[in-house]
PDB file of all heavy atoms in Angstrom:
ATOM      1  N   SER A   1      18.393 -30.719 -73.667  1.00  0.00           N
ATOM      2  CA  SER A   1      18.576 -30.172 -75.014  1.00  0.00           C
ATOM      3  C   SER A   1      17.468 -30.621 -75.950  1.00  0.00           C
ATOM      4  O   SER A   1      17.710 -31.083 -77.069  1.00  0.00           O
ATOM      5  CB  SER A   1      19.946 -30.576 -75.559  1.00  0.00           C
ATOM      6  OG  SER A   1      20.987 -30.118 -74.729  1.00  0.00           O
ATOM      7  N   LEU A   2      16.254 -30.468 -75.504  1.00  0.00           N
ATOM      8  CA  LEU A   2      15.113 -30.947 -76.273  1.00  0.00           C
ATOM      9  C   LEU A   2      14.941 -30.166 -77.562  1.00  0.00           C
ATOM     10  O   LEU A   2      15.196 -28.961 -77.625  1.00  0.00           O
ATOM     11  CB  LEU A   2      13.847 -30.865 -75.429  1.00  0.00           C
ATOM     12  CG  LEU A   2      13.732 -31.952 -74.359  1.00  0.00           C
ATOM     13  CD1 LEU A   2      12.669 -31.590 -73.339  1.00  0.00           C
ATOM     14  CD2 LEU A   2      13.408 -33.296 -75.004  1.00  0.00           C
ATOM     15  N   LYS A   3      14.501 -30.882 -78.577  1.00  0.00           N
ATOM     16  CA  LYS A   3      14.283 -30.332 -79.899  1.00  0.00           C
ATOM     17  C   LYS A   3      12.816 -30.500 -80.279  1.00  0.00           C
ATOM     18  O   LYS A   3      12.139 -31.377 -79.749  1.00  0.00           O
ATOM     19  CB  LYS A   3      15.163 -31.053 -80.929  1.00  0.00           C
ATOM     20  CG  LYS A   3      16.634 -31.105 -80.574  1.00  0.00           C
ATOM     21  CD  LYS A   3      17.387 -32.002 -81.546  1.00  0.00           C
ATOM     22  CE  LYS A   3      18.844 -32.124 -81.169  1.00  0.00           C
ATOM     23  NZ  LYS A   3      19.575 -33.032 -82.086  1.00  0.00           N
ATOM     24  N   PRO A   4      12.321 -29.686 -81.206  1.00  0.00           N
ATOM     25  CA  PRO A   4      10.946 -29.886 -81.658  1.00  0.00           C
ATOM     26  C   PRO A   4      10.689 -31.301 -82.166  1.00  0.00           C
ATOM     27  O   PRO A   4       9.576 -31.813 -82.015  1.00  0.00           O
ATOM     28  CB  PRO A   4      10.794 -28.851 -82.779  1.00  0.00           C
ATOM     29  CG  PRO A   4      11.735 -27.758 -82.387  1.00  0.00           C
ATOM     30  CD  PRO A   4      12.920 -28.465 -81.770  1.00  0.00           C
ATOM     31  N   GLY A   5      11.701 -31.940 -82.742  1.00  0.00           N
ATOM     32  CA  GLY A   5      11.560 -33.307 -83.209  1.00  0.00           C
ATOM     33  C   GLY A   5      11.352 -34.322 -82.108  1.00  0.00           C
ATOM     34  O   GLY A   5      10.992 -35.472 -82.394  1.00  0.00           O
ATOM     35  N   ASP A   6      11.569 -33.934 -80.858  1.00  0.00           N
ATOM     36  CA  ASP A   6      11.318 -34.824 -79.734  1.00  0.00           C
ATOM     37  C   ASP A   6       9.849 -34.846 -79.324  1.00  0.00           C
ATOM     38  O   ASP A   6       9.474 -35.620 -78.445  1.00  0.00           O
ATOM     39  CB  ASP A   6      12.166 -34.412 -78.533  1.00  0.00           C
ATOM     40  CG  ASP A   6      13.652 -34.559 -78.794  1.00  0.00           C
ATOM     41  OD1 ASP A   6      14.052 -35.562 -79.418  1.00  0.00           O
ATOM     42  OD2 ASP A   6      14.421 -33.667 -78.364  1.00  0.00           O
ATOM     43  N   THR A   7       9.038 -34.003 -79.920  1.00  0.00           N
ATOM     44  CA  THR A   7       7.621 -33.955 -79.594  1.00  0.00           C
ATOM     45  C   THR A   7       6.960 -35.289 -79.909  1.00  0.00           C
ATOM     46  O   THR A   7       7.032 -35.781 -81.035  1.00  0.00           O
ATOM     47  CB  THR A   7       6.931 -32.829 -80.368  1.00  0.00           C
ATOM     48  OG1 THR A   7       7.463 -31.567 -79.952  1.00  0.00           O
ATOM     49  CG2 THR A   7       5.431 -32.839 -80.118  1.00  0.00           C
ATOM     50  N   ALA A   8       6.336 -35.880 -78.910  1.00  0.00           N
ATOM     51  CA  ALA A   8       5.711 -37.191 -79.062  1.00  0.00           C
ATOM     52  C   ALA A   8       5.027 -37.555 -77.757  1.00  0.00           C
ATOM     53  O   ALA A   8       5.209 -36.893 -76.732  1.00  0.00           O
ATOM     54  CB  ALA A   8       6.749 -38.257 -79.424  1.00  0.00           C
ATOM     55  N   VAL A   9       4.253 -38.627 -77.813  1.00  0.00           N
ATOM     56  CA  VAL A   9       3.780 -39.264 -76.594  1.00  0.00           C
ATOM     57  C   VAL A   9       4.844 -40.258 -76.161  1.00  0.00           C
ATOM     58  O   VAL A   9       5.262 -41.110 -76.950  1.00  0.00           O
ATOM     59  CB  VAL A   9       2.434 -39.966 -76.804  1.00  0.00           C
ATOM     60  CG1 VAL A   9       2.005 -40.688 -75.530  1.00  0.00           C
ATOM     61  CG2 VAL A   9       1.369 -38.961 -77.217  1.00  0.00           C
ATOM     62  N   TYR A  10       5.273 -40.160 -74.933  1.00  0.00           N
ATOM     63  CA  TYR A  10       6.306 -41.029 -74.406  1.00  0.00           C
ATOM     64  C   TYR A  10       5.673 -42.105 -73.534  1.00  0.00           C
ATOM     65  O   TYR A  10       4.883 -41.813 -72.635  1.00  0.00           O
ATOM     66  CB  TYR A  10       7.328 -40.222 -73.603  1.00  0.00           C
ATOM     67  CG  TYR A  10       8.287 -39.464 -74.481  1.00  0.00           C
ATOM     68  CD1 TYR A  10       7.853 -38.356 -75.203  1.00  0.00           C
ATOM     69  CD2 TYR A  10       9.611 -39.861 -74.613  1.00  0.00           C
ATOM     70  CE1 TYR A  10       8.713 -37.664 -76.036  1.00  0.00           C
ATOM     71  CE2 TYR A  10      10.485 -39.171 -75.439  1.00  0.00           C
ATOM     72  CZ  TYR A  10      10.026 -38.073 -76.149  1.00  0.00           C
ATOM     73  OH  TYR A  10      10.891 -37.391 -76.969  1.00  0.00           O
ATOM     74  N   TYR A  11       6.035 -43.350 -73.826  1.00  0.00           N
ATOM     75  CA  TYR A  11       5.468 -44.501 -73.146  1.00  0.00           C
ATOM     76  C   TYR A  11       6.529 -45.236 -72.343  1.00  0.00           C
ATOM     77  O   TYR A  11       7.661 -45.394 -72.792  1.00  0.00           O
ATOM     78  CB  TYR A  11       4.872 -45.494 -74.149  1.00  0.00           C
ATOM     79  CG  TYR A  11       3.704 -44.965 -74.933  1.00  0.00           C
ATOM     80  CD1 TYR A  11       3.889 -44.350 -76.161  1.00  0.00           C
ATOM     81  CD2 TYR A  11       2.406 -45.101 -74.448  1.00  0.00           C
ATOM     82  CE1 TYR A  11       2.820 -43.870 -76.895  1.00  0.00           C
ATOM     83  CE2 TYR A  11       1.331 -44.633 -75.170  1.00  0.00           C
ATOM     84  CZ  TYR A  11       1.542 -44.017 -76.400  1.00  0.00           C
ATOM     85  OH  TYR A  11       0.478 -43.555 -77.122  1.00  0.00           O
ATOM     86  N   CYS A  12       6.137 -45.709 -71.195  1.00  0.00           N
ATOM     87  CA  CYS A  12       6.944 -46.592 -70.383  1.00  0.00           C
ATOM     88  C   CYS A  12       6.500 -48.031 -70.615  1.00  0.00           C
ATOM     89  O   CYS A  12       5.306 -48.297 -70.768  1.00  0.00           O
ATOM     90  CB  CYS A  12       6.791 -46.212 -68.904  1.00  0.00           C
ATOM     91  SG  CYS A  12       7.692 -47.254 -67.752  1.00  0.00           S
ATOM     92  N   ALA A  13       7.448 -48.954 -70.654  1.00  0.00           N
ATOM     93  CA  ALA A  13       7.149 -50.355 -70.899  1.00  0.00           C
ATOM     94  C   ALA A  13       7.991 -51.239 -69.996  1.00  0.00           C
ATOM     95  O   ALA A  13       9.084 -50.854 -69.572  1.00  0.00           O
ATOM     96  CB  ALA A  13       7.410 -50.708 -72.366  1.00  0.00           C
ATOM     97  N   ALA A  14       7.485 -52.437 -69.710  1.00  0.00           N
ATOM     98  CA  ALA A  14       8.163 -53.386 -68.835  1.00  0.00           C
ATOM     99  C   ALA A  14       8.207 -54.769 -69.467  1.00  0.00           C
ATOM    100  O   ALA A  14       7.215 -55.229 -70.034  1.00  0.00           O
ATOM    101  CB  ALA A  14       7.479 -53.461 -67.473  1.00  0.00           C
ATOM    102  N   ARG A  15       9.351 -55.397 -69.363  1.00  0.00           N
ATOM    103  CA  ARG A  15       9.539 -56.799 -69.721  1.00  0.00           C
ATOM    104  C   ARG A  15       9.724 -57.575 -68.433  1.00  0.00           C
ATOM    105  O   ARG A  15      10.587 -57.231 -67.624  1.00  0.00           O
ATOM    106  CB  ARG A  15      10.754 -56.978 -70.632  1.00  0.00           C
ATOM    107  CG  ARG A  15      11.162 -58.417 -70.870  1.00  0.00           C
ATOM    108  CD  ARG A  15      10.254 -59.098 -71.866  1.00  0.00           C
ATOM    109  NE  ARG A  15      10.591 -60.496 -72.018  1.00  0.00           N
ATOM    110  CZ  ARG A  15      10.054 -61.302 -72.923  1.00  0.00           C
ATOM    111  NH1 ARG A  15       9.157 -60.821 -73.783  1.00  0.00           N
ATOM    112  NH2 ARG A  15      10.405 -62.574 -72.972  1.00  0.00           N
ATOM    113  N   LEU A  16       8.969 -58.648 -68.242  1.00  0.00           N
ATOM    114  CA  LEU A  16       9.004 -59.354 -66.980  1.00  0.00           C
ATOM    115  C   LEU A  16      10.167 -60.328 -66.858  1.00  0.00           C
ATOM    116  O   LEU A  16      10.762 -60.441 -65.792  1.00  0.00           O
ATOM    117  CB  LEU A  16       7.696 -60.103 -66.747  1.00  0.00           C
ATOM    118  CG  LEU A  16       6.462 -59.244 -66.503  1.00  0.00           C
ATOM    119  CD1 LEU A  16       5.298 -60.127 -66.087  1.00  0.00           C
ATOM    120  CD2 LEU A  16       6.729 -58.186 -65.453  1.00  0.00           C
ATOM    121  N   TYR A  17      10.519 -61.020 -67.911  1.00  0.00           N
ATOM    122  CA  TYR A  17      11.549 -62.043 -67.842  1.00  0.00           C
ATOM    123  C   TYR A  17      12.584 -61.837 -68.927  1.00  0.00           C
ATOM    124  O   TYR A  17      12.380 -61.086 -69.868  1.00  0.00           O
ATOM    125  CB  TYR A  17      10.929 -63.437 -67.932  1.00  0.00           C
ATOM    126  CG  TYR A  17      10.040 -63.747 -66.758  1.00  0.00           C
ATOM    127  CD1 TYR A  17       8.662 -63.684 -66.875  1.00  0.00           C
ATOM    128  CD2 TYR A  17      10.587 -64.085 -65.521  1.00  0.00           C
ATOM    129  CE1 TYR A  17       7.845 -63.953 -65.796  1.00  0.00           C
ATOM    130  CE2 TYR A  17       9.772 -64.348 -64.433  1.00  0.00           C
ATOM    131  CZ  TYR A  17       8.405 -64.278 -64.585  1.00  0.00           C
ATOM    132  OH  TYR A  17       7.596 -64.540 -63.503  1.00  0.00           O
ATOM    133  N   SER A  18      13.703 -62.560 -68.765  1.00  0.00           N
ATOM    134  CA  SER A  18      14.878 -62.366 -69.600  1.00  0.00           C
ATOM    135  C   SER A  18      14.548 -62.428 -71.091  1.00  0.00           C
ATOM    136  O   SER A  18      13.850 -63.327 -71.552  1.00  0.00           O
ATOM    137  CB  SER A  18      15.942 -63.404 -69.256  1.00  0.00           C
ATOM    138  OG  SER A  18      17.081 -63.272 -70.072  1.00  0.00           O
ATOM    139  N   GLU A  19      15.071 -61.459 -71.833  1.00  0.00           N
ATOM    140  CA  GLU A  19      14.908 -61.366 -73.270  1.00  0.00           C
ATOM    141  C   GLU A  19      16.041 -60.502 -73.797  1.00  0.00           C
ATOM    142  O   GLU A  19      16.342 -59.451 -73.232  1.00  0.00           O
ATOM    143  CB  GLU A  19      13.545 -60.767 -73.617  1.00  0.00           C
ATOM    144  CG  GLU A  19      13.385 -60.353 -75.067  1.00  0.00           C
ATOM    145  CD  GLU A  19      13.565 -61.517 -76.015  1.00  0.00           C
ATOM    146  OE1 GLU A  19      12.878 -62.545 -75.834  1.00  0.00           O
ATOM    147  OE2 GLU A  19      14.400 -61.414 -76.932  1.00  0.00           O
ATOM    148  N   SER A  20      16.642 -60.936 -74.888  1.00  0.00           N
ATOM    149  CA  SER A  20      17.799 -60.222 -75.418  1.00  0.00           C
ATOM    150  C   SER A  20      17.419 -58.962 -76.184  1.00  0.00           C
ATOM    151  O   SER A  20      18.206 -58.025 -76.264  1.00  0.00           O
ATOM    152  CB  SER A  20      18.616 -61.141 -76.318  1.00  0.00           C
ATOM    153  OG  SER A  20      17.844 -61.620 -77.398  1.00  0.00           O
ATOM    154  N   ASP A  21      16.232 -58.930 -76.740  1.00  0.00           N
ATOM    155  CA  ASP A  21      15.799 -57.794 -77.537  1.00  0.00           C
ATOM    156  C   ASP A  21      15.217 -56.706 -76.641  1.00  0.00           C
ATOM    157  O   ASP A  21      14.423 -56.994 -75.742  1.00  0.00           O
ATOM    158  CB  ASP A  21      14.770 -58.233 -78.574  1.00  0.00           C
ATOM    159  CG  ASP A  21      14.344 -57.104 -79.483  1.00  0.00           C
ATOM    160  OD1 ASP A  21      15.131 -56.158 -79.688  1.00  0.00           O
ATOM    161  OD2 ASP A  21      13.216 -57.163 -80.012  1.00  0.00           O
ATOM    162  N   TYR A  22      15.596 -55.470 -76.901  1.00  0.00           N
ATOM    163  CA  TYR A  22      15.074 -54.351 -76.129  1.00  0.00           C
ATOM    164  C   TYR A  22      14.574 -53.214 -77.008  1.00  0.00           C
ATOM    165  O   TYR A  22      14.090 -52.206 -76.493  1.00  0.00           O
ATOM    166  CB  TYR A  22      16.142 -53.812 -75.168  1.00  0.00           C
ATOM    167  CG  TYR A  22      17.439 -53.426 -75.834  1.00  0.00           C
ATOM    168  CD1 TYR A  22      17.605 -52.186 -76.415  1.00  0.00           C
ATOM    169  CD2 TYR A  22      18.503 -54.322 -75.868  1.00  0.00           C
ATOM    170  CE1 TYR A  22      18.799 -51.840 -77.029  1.00  0.00           C
ATOM    171  CE2 TYR A  22      19.698 -53.983 -76.475  1.00  0.00           C
ATOM    172  CZ  TYR A  22      19.843 -52.741 -77.057  1.00  0.00           C
ATOM    173  OH  TYR A  22      21.027 -52.396 -77.663  1.00  0.00           O
ATOM    174  N   VAL A  23      14.688 -53.360 -78.318  1.00  0.00           N
ATOM    175  CA  VAL A  23      14.350 -52.285 -79.244  1.00  0.00           C
ATOM    176  C   VAL A  23      12.909 -52.380 -79.741  1.00  0.00           C
ATOM    177  O   VAL A  23      12.223 -51.365 -79.871  1.00  0.00           O
ATOM    178  CB  VAL A  23      15.325 -52.278 -80.434  1.00  0.00           C
ATOM    179  CG1 VAL A  23      14.905 -51.256 -81.487  1.00  0.00           C
ATOM    180  CG2 VAL A  23      16.742 -51.988 -79.955  1.00  0.00           C
ATOM    181  N   ARG A  24      12.459 -53.570 -80.023  1.00  0.00           N
ATOM    182  CA  ARG A  24      11.124 -53.747 -80.572  1.00  0.00           C
ATOM    183  C   ARG A  24      10.067 -53.634 -79.478  1.00  0.00           C
ATOM    184  O   ARG A  24      10.226 -54.186 -78.398  1.00  0.00           O
ATOM    185  CB  ARG A  24      11.000 -55.097 -81.266  1.00  0.00           C
ATOM    186  CG  ARG A  24      11.861 -55.242 -82.507  1.00  0.00           C
ATOM    187  CD  ARG A  24      11.621 -56.587 -83.159  1.00  0.00           C
ATOM    188  NE  ARG A  24      12.004 -57.682 -82.286  1.00  0.00           N
ATOM    189  CZ  ARG A  24      11.759 -58.963 -82.545  1.00  0.00           C
ATOM    190  NH1 ARG A  24      11.119 -59.303 -83.659  1.00  0.00           N
ATOM    191  NH2 ARG A  24      12.156 -59.893 -81.697  1.00  0.00           N
ATOM    192  N   PRO A  25       8.977 -52.935 -79.751  1.00  0.00           N
ATOM    193  CA  PRO A  25       7.888 -52.880 -78.765  1.00  0.00           C
ATOM    194  C   PRO A  25       7.354 -54.244 -78.367  1.00  0.00           C
ATOM    195  O   PRO A  25       6.906 -54.420 -77.226  1.00  0.00           O
ATOM    196  CB  PRO A  25       6.815 -52.048 -79.490  1.00  0.00           C
ATOM    197  CG  PRO A  25       7.583 -51.196 -80.450  1.00  0.00           C
ATOM    198  CD  PRO A  25       8.725 -52.070 -80.912  1.00  0.00           C
ATOM    199  N   SER A  26       7.410 -55.214 -79.285  1.00  0.00           N
ATOM    200  CA  SER A  26       6.903 -56.544 -78.983  1.00  0.00           C
ATOM    201  C   SER A  26       7.715 -57.263 -77.921  1.00  0.00           C
ATOM    202  O   SER A  26       7.269 -58.291 -77.403  1.00  0.00           O
ATOM    203  CB  SER A  26       6.861 -57.399 -80.258  1.00  0.00           C
ATOM    204  OG  SER A  26       8.159 -57.540 -80.818  1.00  0.00           O
ATOM    205  N   ALA A  27       8.891 -56.757 -77.579  1.00  0.00           N
ATOM    206  CA  ALA A  27       9.721 -57.364 -76.549  1.00  0.00           C
ATOM    207  C   ALA A  27       9.249 -57.021 -75.143  1.00  0.00           C
ATOM    208  O   ALA A  27       9.819 -57.537 -74.179  1.00  0.00           O
ATOM    209  CB  ALA A  27      11.174 -56.932 -76.725  1.00  0.00           C
ATOM    210  N   TYR A  28       8.255 -56.188 -75.016  1.00  0.00           N
ATOM    211  CA  TYR A  28       7.773 -55.744 -73.716  1.00  0.00           C
ATOM    212  C   TYR A  28       6.361 -56.253 -73.451  1.00  0.00           C
ATOM    213  O   TYR A  28       5.561 -56.415 -74.378  1.00  0.00           O
ATOM    214  CB  TYR A  28       7.821 -54.217 -73.621  1.00  0.00           C
ATOM    215  CG  TYR A  28       9.234 -53.701 -73.702  1.00  0.00           C
ATOM    216  CD1 TYR A  28       9.860 -53.534 -74.928  1.00  0.00           C
ATOM    217  CD2 TYR A  28       9.951 -53.417 -72.544  1.00  0.00           C
ATOM    218  CE1 TYR A  28      11.175 -53.090 -74.999  1.00  0.00           C
ATOM    219  CE2 TYR A  28      11.256 -52.970 -72.612  1.00  0.00           C
ATOM    220  CZ  TYR A  28      11.864 -52.809 -73.843  1.00  0.00           C
ATOM    221  OH  TYR A  28      13.169 -52.371 -73.905  1.00  0.00           O
ATOM    222  N   ASP A  29       6.084 -56.496 -72.184  1.00  0.00           N
ATOM    223  CA  ASP A  29       4.838 -57.136 -71.790  1.00  0.00           C
ATOM    224  C   ASP A  29       3.759 -56.166 -71.328  1.00  0.00           C
ATOM    225  O   ASP A  29       2.570 -56.447 -71.496  1.00  0.00           O
ATOM    226  CB  ASP A  29       5.115 -58.144 -70.666  1.00  0.00           C
ATOM    227  CG  ASP A  29       6.097 -59.219 -71.088  1.00  0.00           C
ATOM    228  OD1 ASP A  29       5.771 -59.978 -72.017  1.00  0.00           O
ATOM    229  OD2 ASP A  29       7.185 -59.303 -70.468  1.00  0.00           O
TER     230      ASP A  29
END
């Protein structure tokens, strides 16, 4: 159900070790 507002560059990210935060980009390595 994609919308025009979904238009963007989509990035994949990985966190290597335990961390409670998952929303901020800085939480990923």
